[in-house]
Structure formats: C-alpha cells, structure tokens
Amino acid sequence: AQVALGWEVSARLDGGELVLTILEEGRPIAPLI
C-alpha cells in the first residue's frame, strides 16, 4: 500500500532546519504528519 502511493521522499539538513520533500507524481505534497 505504501509503495502504491508512489511517493518520493527525501530529507536534508539546511543549517538549523530539516527540509523534508515528499513528491507525488513529481509534485510536492504536504500529507498529514
């Protein structure tokens, strides 16, 4: 079920901030965390 979502998830540290990018079909999304 998780693979079927097709999400591409990446994270990186940018100074004192964690930047989490979740892409669905190439577009950024903001799911419920």
PDB file of all heavy atoms in Angstrom:
ATOM      1  N   ALA A   1       0.837  -1.210   0.000  1.00  0.00           N
ATOM      2  CA  ALA A   1       0.000   0.000   0.000  1.00  0.00           C
ATOM      3  C   ALA A   1       0.866   1.251   0.000  1.00  0.00           C
ATOM      4  O   ALA A   1       0.575   2.230  -0.698  1.00  0.00           O
ATOM      5  CB  ALA A   1      -0.925  -0.004   1.215  1.00  0.00           C
ATOM      6  N   GLN A   2       1.957   1.201   0.744  1.00  0.00           N
ATOM      7  CA  GLN A   2       2.867   2.352   0.799  1.00  0.00           C
ATOM      8  C   GLN A   2       3.566   2.570  -0.532  1.00  0.00           C
ATOM      9  O   GLN A   2       3.671   3.698  -1.015  1.00  0.00           O
ATOM     10  CB  GLN A   2       3.886   2.106   1.916  1.00  0.00           C
ATOM     11  CG  GLN A   2       4.830   3.253   2.149  1.00  0.00           C
ATOM     12  CD  GLN A   2       5.654   3.041   3.397  1.00  0.00           C
ATOM     13  OE1 GLN A   2       5.127   2.831   4.460  1.00  0.00           O
ATOM     14  NE2 GLN A   2       6.970   3.121   3.245  1.00  0.00           N
ATOM     15  N   VAL A   3       4.008   1.498  -1.177  1.00  0.00           N
ATOM     16  CA  VAL A   3       4.659   1.600  -2.491  1.00  0.00           C
ATOM     17  C   VAL A   3       3.666   2.109  -3.527  1.00  0.00           C
ATOM     18  O   VAL A   3       4.015   2.887  -4.418  1.00  0.00           O
ATOM     19  CB  VAL A   3       5.278   0.241  -2.891  1.00  0.00           C
ATOM     20  CG1 VAL A   3       5.703   0.236  -4.342  1.00  0.00           C
ATOM     21  CG2 VAL A   3       6.443  -0.100  -1.985  1.00  0.00           C
ATOM     22  N   ALA A   4       2.404   1.702  -3.427  1.00  0.00           N
ATOM     23  CA  ALA A   4       1.377   2.122  -4.381  1.00  0.00           C
ATOM     24  C   ALA A   4       1.130   3.635  -4.336  1.00  0.00           C
ATOM     25  O   ALA A   4       0.663   4.212  -5.318  1.00  0.00           O
ATOM     26  CB  ALA A   4       0.074   1.378  -4.113  1.00  0.00           C
ATOM     27  N   LEU A   5       1.465   4.273  -3.215  1.00  0.00           N
ATOM     28  CA  LEU A   5       1.320   5.731  -3.146  1.00  0.00           C
ATOM     29  C   LEU A   5       2.240   6.421  -4.157  1.00  0.00           C
ATOM     30  O   LEU A   5       1.918   7.488  -4.667  1.00  0.00           O
ATOM     31  CB  LEU A   5       1.652   6.244  -1.736  1.00  0.00           C
ATOM     32  CG  LEU A   5       0.662   5.909  -0.636  1.00  0.00           C
ATOM     33  CD1 LEU A   5       1.236   6.328   0.712  1.00  0.00           C
ATOM     34  CD2 LEU A   5      -0.676   6.575  -0.892  1.00  0.00           C
ATOM     35  N   GLY A   6       3.377   5.815  -4.432  1.00  0.00           N
ATOM     36  CA  GLY A   6       4.318   6.385  -5.393  1.00  0.00           C
ATOM     37  C   GLY A   6       5.054   7.611  -4.889  1.00  0.00           C
ATOM     38  O   GLY A   6       5.546   8.411  -5.684  1.00  0.00           O
ATOM     39  N   TRP A   7       5.149   7.769  -3.589  1.00  0.00           N
ATOM     40  CA  TRP A   7       5.805   8.946  -3.028  1.00  0.00           C
ATOM     41  C   TRP A   7       7.321   8.820  -3.140  1.00  0.00           C
ATOM     42  O   TRP A   7       7.894   7.766  -2.938  1.00  0.00           O
ATOM     43  CB  TRP A   7       5.455   9.123  -1.566  1.00  0.00           C
ATOM     44  CG  TRP A   7       4.052   9.560  -1.310  1.00  0.00           C
ATOM     45  CD1 TRP A   7       3.074   9.795  -2.227  1.00  0.00           C
ATOM     46  CD2 TRP A   7       3.461   9.790  -0.038  1.00  0.00           C
ATOM     47  NE1 TRP A   7       1.914  10.172  -1.610  1.00  0.00           N
ATOM     48  CE2 TRP A   7       2.125  10.179  -0.252  1.00  0.00           C
ATOM     49  CE3 TRP A   7       3.915   9.707   1.260  1.00  0.00           C
ATOM     50  CZ2 TRP A   7       1.262  10.485   0.787  1.00  0.00           C
ATOM     51  CZ3 TRP A   7       3.047  10.008   2.291  1.00  0.00           C
ATOM     52  CH2 TRP A   7       1.744  10.400   2.055  1.00  0.00           C
ATOM     53  N   GLU A   8       7.954   9.923  -3.480  1.00  0.00           N
ATOM     54  CA  GLU A   8       9.413  10.034  -3.452  1.00  0.00           C
ATOM     55  C   GLU A   8       9.738  10.949  -2.275  1.00  0.00           C
ATOM     56  O   GLU A   8       9.356  12.111  -2.270  1.00  0.00           O
ATOM     57  CB  GLU A   8       9.939  10.635  -4.749  1.00  0.00           C
ATOM     58  CG  GLU A   8       9.696   9.780  -5.971  1.00  0.00           C
ATOM     59  CD  GLU A   8      10.141  10.484  -7.234  1.00  0.00           C
ATOM     60  OE1 GLU A   8      11.210  11.116  -7.224  1.00  0.00           O
ATOM     61  OE2 GLU A   8       9.390  10.407  -8.225  1.00  0.00           O
ATOM     62  N   VAL A   9      10.430  10.414  -1.294  1.00  0.00           N
ATOM     63  CA  VAL A   9      10.694  11.147  -0.057  1.00  0.00           C
ATOM     64  C   VAL A   9      12.194  11.373   0.086  1.00  0.00           C
ATOM     65  O   VAL A   9      12.993  10.457  -0.076  1.00  0.00           O
ATOM     66  CB  VAL A   9      10.158  10.360   1.159  1.00  0.00           C
ATOM     67  CG1 VAL A   9      10.427  11.105   2.450  1.00  0.00           C
ATOM     68  CG2 VAL A   9       8.678  10.078   1.000  1.00  0.00           C
ATOM     69  N   SER A  10      12.553  12.612   0.410  1.00  0.00           N
ATOM     70  CA  SER A  10      13.950  12.933   0.676  1.00  0.00           C
ATOM     71  C   SER A  10      14.011  13.970   1.788  1.00  0.00           C
ATOM     72  O   SER A  10      13.065  14.733   1.992  1.00  0.00           O
ATOM     73  CB  SER A  10      14.645  13.455  -0.582  1.00  0.00           C
ATOM     74  OG  SER A  10      14.048  14.669  -0.997  1.00  0.00           O
ATOM     75  N   ALA A  11      15.119  13.958   2.493  1.00  0.00           N
ATOM     76  CA  ALA A  11      15.313  14.922   3.581  1.00  0.00           C
ATOM     77  C   ALA A  11      16.757  15.381   3.574  1.00  0.00           C
ATOM     78  O   ALA A  11      17.660  14.642   3.174  1.00  0.00           O
ATOM     79  CB  ALA A  11      14.959  14.285   4.914  1.00  0.00           C
ATOM     80  N   ARG A  12      16.947  16.611   4.027  1.00  0.00           N
ATOM     81  CA  ARG A  12      18.304  17.148   4.136  1.00  0.00           C
ATOM     82  C   ARG A  12      18.326  18.173   5.259  1.00  0.00           C
ATOM     83  O   ARG A  12      17.292  18.719   5.651  1.00  0.00           O
ATOM     84  CB  ARG A  12      18.757  17.776   2.821  1.00  0.00           C
ATOM     85  CG  ARG A  12      17.950  18.975   2.391  1.00  0.00           C
ATOM     86  CD  ARG A  12      18.412  19.525   1.032  1.00  0.00           C
ATOM     87  NE  ARG A  12      17.460  20.471   0.503  1.00  0.00           N
ATOM     88  CZ  ARG A  12      17.372  21.749   0.843  1.00  0.00           C
ATOM     89  NH1 ARG A  12      18.198  22.239   1.733  1.00  0.00           N
ATOM     90  NH2 ARG A  12      16.471  22.541   0.298  1.00  0.00           N
ATOM     91  N   LEU A  13      19.526  18.390   5.764  1.00  0.00           N
ATOM     92  CA  LEU A  13      19.712  19.411   6.784  1.00  0.00           C
ATOM     93  C   LEU A  13      20.201  20.677   6.107  1.00  0.00           C
ATOM     94  O   LEU A  13      21.121  20.643   5.291  1.00  0.00           O
ATOM     95  CB  LEU A  13      20.719  18.939   7.834  1.00  0.00           C
ATOM     96  CG  LEU A  13      20.248  17.785   8.703  1.00  0.00           C
ATOM     97  CD1 LEU A  13      21.388  17.223   9.527  1.00  0.00           C
ATOM     98  CD2 LEU A  13      19.108  18.234   9.602  1.00  0.00           C
ATOM     99  N   ASP A  14      19.578  21.787   6.440  1.00  0.00           N
ATOM    100  CA  ASP A  14      19.946  23.090   5.879  1.00  0.00           C
ATOM    101  C   ASP A  14      20.128  24.040   7.052  1.00  0.00           C
ATOM    102  O   ASP A  14      19.163  24.645   7.524  1.00  0.00           O
ATOM    103  CB  ASP A  14      18.852  23.578   4.930  1.00  0.00           C
ATOM    104  CG  ASP A  14      19.236  24.864   4.207  1.00  0.00           C
ATOM    105  OD1 ASP A  14      20.428  25.233   4.242  1.00  0.00           O
ATOM    106  OD2 ASP A  14      18.339  25.500   3.629  1.00  0.00           O
ATOM    107  N   GLY A  15      21.366  24.114   7.548  1.00  0.00           N
ATOM    108  CA  GLY A  15      21.624  24.919   8.733  1.00  0.00           C
ATOM    109  C   GLY A  15      20.934  24.287   9.929  1.00  0.00           C
ATOM    110  O   GLY A  15      21.103  23.112  10.219  1.00  0.00           O
ATOM    111  N   GLY A  16      20.101  25.041  10.608  1.00  0.00           N
ATOM    112  CA  GLY A  16      19.365  24.530  11.753  1.00  0.00           C
ATOM    113  C   GLY A  16      17.966  24.083  11.397  1.00  0.00           C
ATOM    114  O   GLY A  16      17.073  24.093  12.246  1.00  0.00           O
ATOM    115  N   GLU A  17      17.773  23.687  10.149  1.00  0.00           N
ATOM    116  CA  GLU A  17      16.444  23.308   9.693  1.00  0.00           C
ATOM    117  C   GLU A  17      16.503  21.988   8.946  1.00  0.00           C
ATOM    118  O   GLU A  17      17.414  21.733   8.177  1.00  0.00           O
ATOM    119  CB  GLU A  17      15.919  24.413   8.772  1.00  0.00           C
ATOM    120  CG  GLU A  17      14.488  24.286   8.387  1.00  0.00           C
ATOM    121  CD  GLU A  17      14.001  25.505   7.607  1.00  0.00           C
ATOM    122  OE1 GLU A  17      14.589  25.824   6.558  1.00  0.00           O
ATOM    123  OE2 GLU A  17      13.025  26.109   8.068  1.00  0.00           O
ATOM    124  N   LEU A  18      15.513  21.140   9.185  1.00  0.00           N
ATOM    125  CA  LEU A  18      15.380  19.907   8.433  1.00  0.00           C
ATOM    126  C   LEU A  18      14.357  20.166   7.330  1.00  0.00           C
ATOM    127  O   LEU A  18      13.258  20.655   7.605  1.00  0.00           O
ATOM    128  CB  LEU A  18      14.892  18.764   9.335  1.00  0.00           C
ATOM    129  CG  LEU A  18      14.909  17.401   8.666  1.00  0.00           C
ATOM    130  CD1 LEU A  18      15.355  16.348   9.658  1.00  0.00           C
ATOM    131  CD2 LEU A  18      13.556  17.039   8.126  1.00  0.00           C
ATOM    132  N   VAL A  19      14.740  19.859   6.105  1.00  0.00           N
ATOM    133  CA  VAL A  19      13.870  20.086   4.953  1.00  0.00           C
ATOM    134  C   VAL A  19      13.446  18.720   4.414  1.00  0.00           C
ATOM    135  O   VAL A  19      14.272  17.927   3.963  1.00  0.00           O
ATOM    136  CB  VAL A  19      14.598  20.896   3.853  1.00  0.00           C
ATOM    137  CG1 VAL A  19      13.683  21.120   2.668  1.00  0.00           C
ATOM    138  CG2 VAL A  19      15.117  22.216   4.410  1.00  0.00           C
ATOM    139  N   LEU A  20      12.149  18.452   4.486  1.00  0.00           N
ATOM    140  CA  LEU A  20      11.572  17.181   4.047  1.00  0.00           C
ATOM    141  C   LEU A  20      10.750  17.432   2.794  1.00  0.00           C
ATOM    142  O   LEU A  20       9.829  18.240   2.799  1.00  0.00           O
ATOM    143  CB  LEU A  20      10.687  16.598   5.149  1.00  0.00           C
ATOM    144  CG  LEU A  20       9.892  15.334   4.829  1.00  0.00           C
ATOM    145  CD1 LEU A  20      10.843  14.160   4.608  1.00  0.00           C
ATOM    146  CD2 LEU A  20       8.922  15.033   5.945  1.00  0.00           C
ATOM    147  N   THR A  21      11.107  16.745   1.722  1.00  0.00           N
ATOM    148  CA  THR A  21      10.386  16.890   0.460  1.00  0.00           C
ATOM    149  C   THR A  21       9.693  15.576   0.136  1.00  0.00           C
ATOM    150  O   THR A  21      10.332  14.520   0.097  1.00  0.00           O
ATOM    151  CB  THR A  21      11.356  17.259  -0.679  1.00  0.00           C
ATOM    152  OG1 THR A  21      12.092  18.419  -0.301  1.00  0.00           O
ATOM    153  CG2 THR A  21      10.613  17.531  -1.963  1.00  0.00           C
ATOM    154  N   ILE A  22       8.382  15.656  -0.094  1.00  0.00           N
ATOM    155  CA  ILE A  22       7.597  14.490  -0.485  1.00  0.00           C
ATOM    156  C   ILE A  22       6.949  14.809  -1.826  1.00  0.00           C
ATOM    157  O   ILE A  22       6.184  15.766  -1.933  1.00  0.00           O
ATOM    158  CB  ILE A  22       6.522  14.145   0.570  1.00  0.00           C
ATOM    159  CG1 ILE A  22       7.186  13.898   1.932  1.00  0.00           C
ATOM    160  CG2 ILE A  22       5.717  12.923   0.126  1.00  0.00           C
ATOM    161  CD1 ILE A  22       6.220  13.673   3.063  1.00  0.00           C
ATOM    162  N   LEU A  23       7.303  14.007  -2.830  1.00  0.00           N
ATOM    163  CA  LEU A  23       6.772  14.212  -4.172  1.00  0.00           C
ATOM    164  C   LEU A  23       5.798  13.093  -4.523  1.00  0.00           C
ATOM    165  O   LEU A  23       6.061  11.918  -4.272  1.00  0.00           O
ATOM    166  CB  LEU A  23       7.897  14.241  -5.195  1.00  0.00           C
ATOM    167  CG  LEU A  23       8.989  15.292  -5.011  1.00  0.00           C
ATOM    168  CD1 LEU A  23      10.073  15.113  -6.051  1.00  0.00           C
ATOM    169  CD2 LEU A  23       8.417  16.691  -5.055  1.00  0.00           C
ATOM    170  N   GLU A  24       4.680  13.492  -5.117  1.00  0.00           N
ATOM    171  CA  GLU A  24       3.713  12.537  -5.639  1.00  0.00           C
ATOM    172  C   GLU A  24       3.509  12.887  -7.110  1.00  0.00           C
ATOM    173  O   GLU A  24       3.054  13.988  -7.417  1.00  0.00           O
ATOM    174  CB  GLU A  24       2.389  12.633  -4.864  1.00  0.00           C
ATOM    175  CG  GLU A  24       1.367  11.629  -5.307  1.00  0.00           C
ATOM    176  CD  GLU A  24       0.100  11.716  -4.451  1.00  0.00           C
ATOM    177  OE1 GLU A  24      -0.390  12.837  -4.219  1.00  0.00           O
ATOM    178  OE2 GLU A  24      -0.371  10.655  -4.024  1.00  0.00           O
ATOM    179  N   GLU A  25       3.891  11.957  -7.976  1.00  0.00           N
ATOM    180  CA  GLU A  25       3.848  12.186  -9.425  1.00  0.00           C
ATOM    181  C   GLU A  25       4.623  13.451  -9.797  1.00  0.00           C
ATOM    182  O   GLU A  25       4.206  14.236 -10.644  1.00  0.00           O
ATOM    183  CB  GLU A  25       2.406  12.261  -9.914  1.00  0.00           C
ATOM    184  CG  GLU A  25       1.651  10.961  -9.723  1.00  0.00           C
ATOM    185  CD  GLU A  25       0.199  11.045 -10.167  1.00  0.00           C
ATOM    186  OE1 GLU A  25      -0.239  12.126 -10.637  1.00  0.00           O
ATOM    187  OE2 GLU A  25      -0.495  10.025 -10.055  1.00  0.00           O
ATOM    188  N   GLY A  26       5.759  13.665  -9.123  1.00  0.00           N
ATOM    189  CA  GLY A  26       6.636  14.789  -9.429  1.00  0.00           C
ATOM    190  C   GLY A  26       6.233  16.109  -8.802  1.00  0.00           C
ATOM    191  O   GLY A  26       6.949  17.097  -8.940  1.00  0.00           O
ATOM    192  N   ARG A  27       5.094  16.159  -8.114  1.00  0.00           N
ATOM    193  CA  ARG A  27       4.632  17.405  -7.491  1.00  0.00           C
ATOM    194  C   ARG A  27       4.788  17.323  -5.975  1.00  0.00           C
ATOM    195  O   ARG A  27       4.449  16.296  -5.366  1.00  0.00           O
ATOM    196  CB  ARG A  27       3.166  17.658  -7.829  1.00  0.00           C
ATOM    197  CG  ARG A  27       2.925  17.952  -9.307  1.00  0.00           C
ATOM    198  CD  ARG A  27       1.472  18.314  -9.598  1.00  0.00           C
ATOM    199  NE  ARG A  27       0.499  17.420  -9.004  1.00  0.00           N
ATOM    200  CZ  ARG A  27       0.050  16.297  -9.564  1.00  0.00           C
ATOM    201  NH1 ARG A  27       0.498  15.920 -10.742  1.00  0.00           N
ATOM    202  NH2 ARG A  27      -0.840  15.545  -8.953  1.00  0.00           N
ATOM    203  N   PRO A  28       5.257  18.398  -5.335  1.00  0.00           N
ATOM    204  CA  PRO A  28       5.392  18.373  -3.880  1.00  0.00           C
ATOM    205  C   PRO A  28       4.023  18.338  -3.201  1.00  0.00           C
ATOM    206  O   PRO A  28       3.076  18.988  -3.650  1.00  0.00           O
ATOM    207  CB  PRO A  28       6.135  19.671  -3.557  1.00  0.00           C
ATOM    208  CG  PRO A  28       6.009  20.528  -4.753  1.00  0.00           C
ATOM    209  CD  PRO A  28       5.735  19.649  -5.927  1.00  0.00           C
ATOM    210  N   ILE A  29       3.933  17.557  -2.147  1.00  0.00           N
ATOM    211  CA  ILE A  29       2.690  17.462  -1.379  1.00  0.00           C
ATOM    212  C   ILE A  29       3.006  17.661   0.103  1.00  0.00           C
ATOM    213  O   ILE A  29       4.164  17.578   0.525  1.00  0.00           O
ATOM    214  CB  ILE A  29       1.983  16.105  -1.583  1.00  0.00           C
ATOM    215  CG1 ILE A  29       2.890  14.951  -1.124  1.00  0.00           C
ATOM    216  CG2 ILE A  29       1.548  15.921  -3.025  1.00  0.00           C
ATOM    217  CD1 ILE A  29       2.185  13.618  -1.042  1.00  0.00           C
ATOM    218  N   ALA A  30       1.972  17.914   0.880  1.00  0.00           N
ATOM    219  CA  ALA A  30       2.105  18.079   2.335  1.00  0.00           C
ATOM    220  C   ALA A  30       1.090  17.183   3.026  1.00  0.00           C
ATOM    221  O   ALA A  30       0.032  17.640   3.437  1.00  0.00           O
ATOM    222  CB  ALA A  30       1.905  19.536   2.722  1.00  0.00           C
ATOM    223  N   PRO A  31       1.407  15.892   3.170  1.00  0.00           N
ATOM    224  CA  PRO A  31       0.459  14.990   3.831  1.00  0.00           C
ATOM    225  C   PRO A  31       0.410  15.262   5.332  1.00  0.00           C
ATOM    226  O   PRO A  31       1.249  15.988   5.877  1.00  0.00           O
ATOM    227  CB  PRO A  31       1.040  13.607   3.551  1.00  0.00           C
ATOM    228  CG  PRO A  31       2.500  13.847   3.433  1.00  0.00           C
ATOM    229  CD  PRO A  31       2.633  15.200   2.797  1.00  0.00           C
ATOM    230  N   LEU A  32      -0.541  14.650   5.991  1.00  0.00           N
ATOM    231  CA  LEU A  32      -0.649  14.757   7.442  1.00  0.00           C
ATOM    232  C   LEU A  32       0.523  14.003   8.067  1.00  0.00           C
ATOM    233  O   LEU A  32       0.702  12.807   7.829  1.00  0.00           O
ATOM    234  CB  LEU A  32      -1.972  14.146   7.916  1.00  0.00           C
ATOM    235  CG  LEU A  32      -2.139  14.009   9.425  1.00  0.00           C
ATOM    236  CD1 LEU A  32      -2.204  15.384  10.079  1.00  0.00           C
ATOM    237  CD2 LEU A  32      -3.376  13.200   9.744  1.00  0.00           C
ATOM    238  N   ILE A  33       1.333  14.701   8.856  1.00  0.00           N
ATOM    239  CA  ILE A  33       2.450  14.079   9.551  1.00  0.00           C
ATOM    240  C   ILE A  33       1.951  13.675  10.936  1.00  0.00           C
ATOM    241  O   ILE A  33       1.676  14.528  11.772  1.00  0.00           O
ATOM    242  CB  ILE A  33       3.658  15.036   9.675  1.00  0.00           C
ATOM    243  CG1 ILE A  33       4.087  15.559   8.297  1.00  0.00           C
ATOM    244  CG2 ILE A  33       4.810  14.355  10.399  1.00  0.00           C
ATOM    245  CD1 ILE A  33       4.621  14.520   7.356  1.00  0.00           C
TER     246      ILE A  33
END
